[in-house]
Amino acid sequence: MIASPDDLAPRGELFWASAMAENGILKIGKKTAFQAHMIEHQLSAYTNCNHGFGLAVIHPTMYRHMMGGAPEQFARRVA
């Protein structure tokens, strides 16, 4: 999109990916946990911060807390 702003194909791909990420279809039948997302809703209600900024603050802290229980899931995999 940045390289060719008038090209509708990459724009359409971004819109489709955004819709799939938001509407929950990809999560059907799967166990999911969005603790950080729920925490952020409370944070933004209290502070009126931007949703993405709130998630950017909460995720690293939450992952550091969770990492002790399952370090193999947080290990960087190098191919």
C-alpha atoms as a PDB file:
ATOM      1  CA  MET A   1       0.000   0.000   0.000  1.00  0.00           C
ATOM      2  CA  ILE A   2       2.788   2.411   0.786  1.00  0.00           C
ATOM      3  CA  ALA A   3       4.693   1.684  -2.416  1.00  0.00           C
ATOM      4  CA  SER A   4       1.572   1.882  -4.630  1.00  0.00           C
ATOM      5  CA  PRO A   5      -1.205   3.813  -2.880  1.00  0.00           C
ATOM      6  CA  ASP A   6      -3.497   3.592  -5.926  1.00  0.00           C
ATOM      7  CA  ASP A   7      -3.275  -0.225  -6.141  1.00  0.00           C
ATOM      8  CA  LEU A   8      -6.497  -1.584  -4.634  1.00  0.00           C
ATOM      9  CA  ALA A   9      -5.299  -5.208  -4.287  1.00  0.00           C
ATOM     10  CA  PRO A  10      -3.028  -4.702  -1.235  1.00  0.00           C
ATOM     11  CA  ARG A  11      -5.598  -2.374   0.290  1.00  0.00           C
ATOM     12  CA  GLY A  12      -8.239  -5.072  -0.085  1.00  0.00           C
ATOM     13  CA  GLU A  13      -5.929  -7.663   1.505  1.00  0.00           C
ATOM     14  CA  LEU A  14      -5.385  -5.385   4.491  1.00  0.00           C
ATOM     15  CA  PHE A  15      -9.127  -4.775   4.873  1.00  0.00           C
ATOM     16  CA  TRP A  16      -9.832  -8.534   4.661  1.00  0.00           C
ATOM     17  CA  ALA A  17      -7.132  -9.362   7.223  1.00  0.00           C
ATOM     18  CA  SER A  18      -8.472  -6.658   9.542  1.00  0.00           C
ATOM     19  CA  ALA A  19     -12.017  -7.996   9.248  1.00  0.00           C
ATOM     20  CA  MET A  20     -10.891 -11.554   9.996  1.00  0.00           C
ATOM     21  CA  ALA A  21      -8.870 -10.398  12.987  1.00  0.00           C
ATOM     22  CA  GLU A  22     -11.807  -8.491  14.465  1.00  0.00           C
ATOM     23  CA  ASN A  23     -14.896 -10.591  13.789  1.00  0.00           C
ATOM     24  CA  GLY A  24     -13.909 -13.790  15.610  1.00  0.00           C
ATOM     25  CA  ILE A  25     -14.501 -16.246  12.752  1.00  0.00           C
ATOM     26  CA  LEU A  26     -10.935 -17.534  12.975  1.00  0.00           C
ATOM     27  CA  LYS A  27     -11.415 -18.329  16.669  1.00  0.00           C
ATOM     28  CA  ILE A  28     -14.515 -20.519  16.302  1.00  0.00           C
ATOM     29  CA  GLY A  29     -13.994 -23.838  18.059  1.00  0.00           C
ATOM     30  CA  LYS A  30     -10.717 -22.790  19.642  1.00  0.00           C
ATOM     31  CA  LYS A  31      -9.871 -21.980  23.222  1.00  0.00           C
ATOM     32  CA  THR A  32      -8.735 -18.389  23.407  1.00  0.00           C
ATOM     33  CA  ALA A  33      -7.604 -16.122  26.184  1.00  0.00           C
ATOM     34  CA  PHE A  34      -7.542 -12.376  25.772  1.00  0.00           C
ATOM     35  CA  GLN A  35      -6.772 -11.256  29.290  1.00  0.00           C
ATOM     36  CA  ALA A  36      -4.696  -8.299  28.099  1.00  0.00           C
ATOM     37  CA  HIS A  37      -7.522  -7.178  25.858  1.00  0.00           C
ATOM     38  CA  MET A  38     -10.025  -7.200  28.713  1.00  0.00           C
ATOM     39  CA  ILE A  39      -7.574  -5.442  31.037  1.00  0.00           C
ATOM     40  CA  GLU A  40      -6.984  -2.774  28.408  1.00  0.00           C
ATOM     41  CA  HIS A  41     -10.699  -1.994  28.126  1.00  0.00           C
ATOM     42  CA  GLN A  42     -10.631  -1.126  31.813  1.00  0.00           C
ATOM     43  CA  LEU A  43      -7.450   0.920  31.386  1.00  0.00           C
ATOM     44  CA  SER A  44      -8.861   2.954  28.502  1.00  0.00           C
ATOM     45  CA  ALA A  45     -12.147   3.497  30.348  1.00  0.00           C
ATOM     46  CA  TYR A  46     -10.206   4.902  33.291  1.00  0.00           C
ATOM     47  CA  THR A  47      -7.522   6.868  31.428  1.00  0.00           C
ATOM     48  CA  ASN A  48      -9.133   7.484  28.013  1.00  0.00           C
ATOM     49  CA  CYS A  49      -5.967   6.175  26.322  1.00  0.00           C
ATOM     50  CA  ASN A  50      -5.879   4.805  22.795  1.00  0.00           C
ATOM     51  CA  HIS A  51      -6.711   1.062  22.676  1.00  0.00           C
ATOM     52  CA  GLY A  52      -3.560   0.096  20.761  1.00  0.00           C
ATOM     53  CA  PHE A  53      -1.331   2.126  23.059  1.00  0.00           C
ATOM     54  CA  GLY A  54      -2.906   0.477  26.094  1.00  0.00           C
ATOM     55  CA  LEU A  55      -2.288  -2.985  24.646  1.00  0.00           C
ATOM     56  CA  ALA A  56       1.321  -2.028  23.881  1.00  0.00           C
ATOM     57  CA  VAL A  57       1.815  -1.218  27.570  1.00  0.00           C
ATOM     58  CA  ILE A  58      -0.020  -4.238  28.986  1.00  0.00           C
ATOM     59  CA  HIS A  59       1.262  -7.038  26.727  1.00  0.00           C
ATOM     60  CA  PRO A  60       4.988  -6.931  27.616  1.00  0.00           C
ATOM     61  CA  THR A  61       4.256  -6.816  31.337  1.00  0.00           C
ATOM     62  CA  MET A  62       1.739  -9.642  31.121  1.00  0.00           C
ATOM     63  CA  TYR A  63       4.078 -11.808  29.016  1.00  0.00           C
ATOM     64  CA  ARG A  64       6.965 -11.286  31.451  1.00  0.00           C
ATOM     65  CA  HIS A  65       4.658 -12.449  34.235  1.00  0.00           C
ATOM     66  CA  MET A  66       3.452 -15.501  32.278  1.00  0.00           C
ATOM     67  CA  MET A  67       6.867 -16.505  30.949  1.00  0.00           C
ATOM     68  CA  GLY A  68       7.985 -18.149  34.189  1.00  0.00           C
ATOM     69  CA  GLY A  69       5.296 -20.827  33.856  1.00  0.00           C
ATOM     70  CA  ALA A  70       6.018 -21.774  30.240  1.00  0.00           C
ATOM     71  CA  PRO A  71       9.400 -20.440  29.059  1.00  0.00           C
ATOM     72  CA  GLU A  72       9.438 -22.817  26.064  1.00  0.00           C
ATOM     73  CA  GLN A  73       6.385 -21.042  24.628  1.00  0.00           C
ATOM     74  CA  PHE A  74       8.182 -17.715  24.800  1.00  0.00           C
ATOM     75  CA  ALA A  75      11.555 -18.904  23.506  1.00  0.00           C
ATOM     76  CA  ARG A  76      12.695 -17.375  20.247  1.00  0.00           C
ATOM     77  CA  ARG A  77      12.863 -20.030  17.563  1.00  0.00           C
ATOM     78  CA  VAL A  78      15.632 -19.610  15.041  1.00  0.00           C
ATOM     79  CA  ALA A  79      15.346 -21.629  11.854  1.00  0.00           C
END
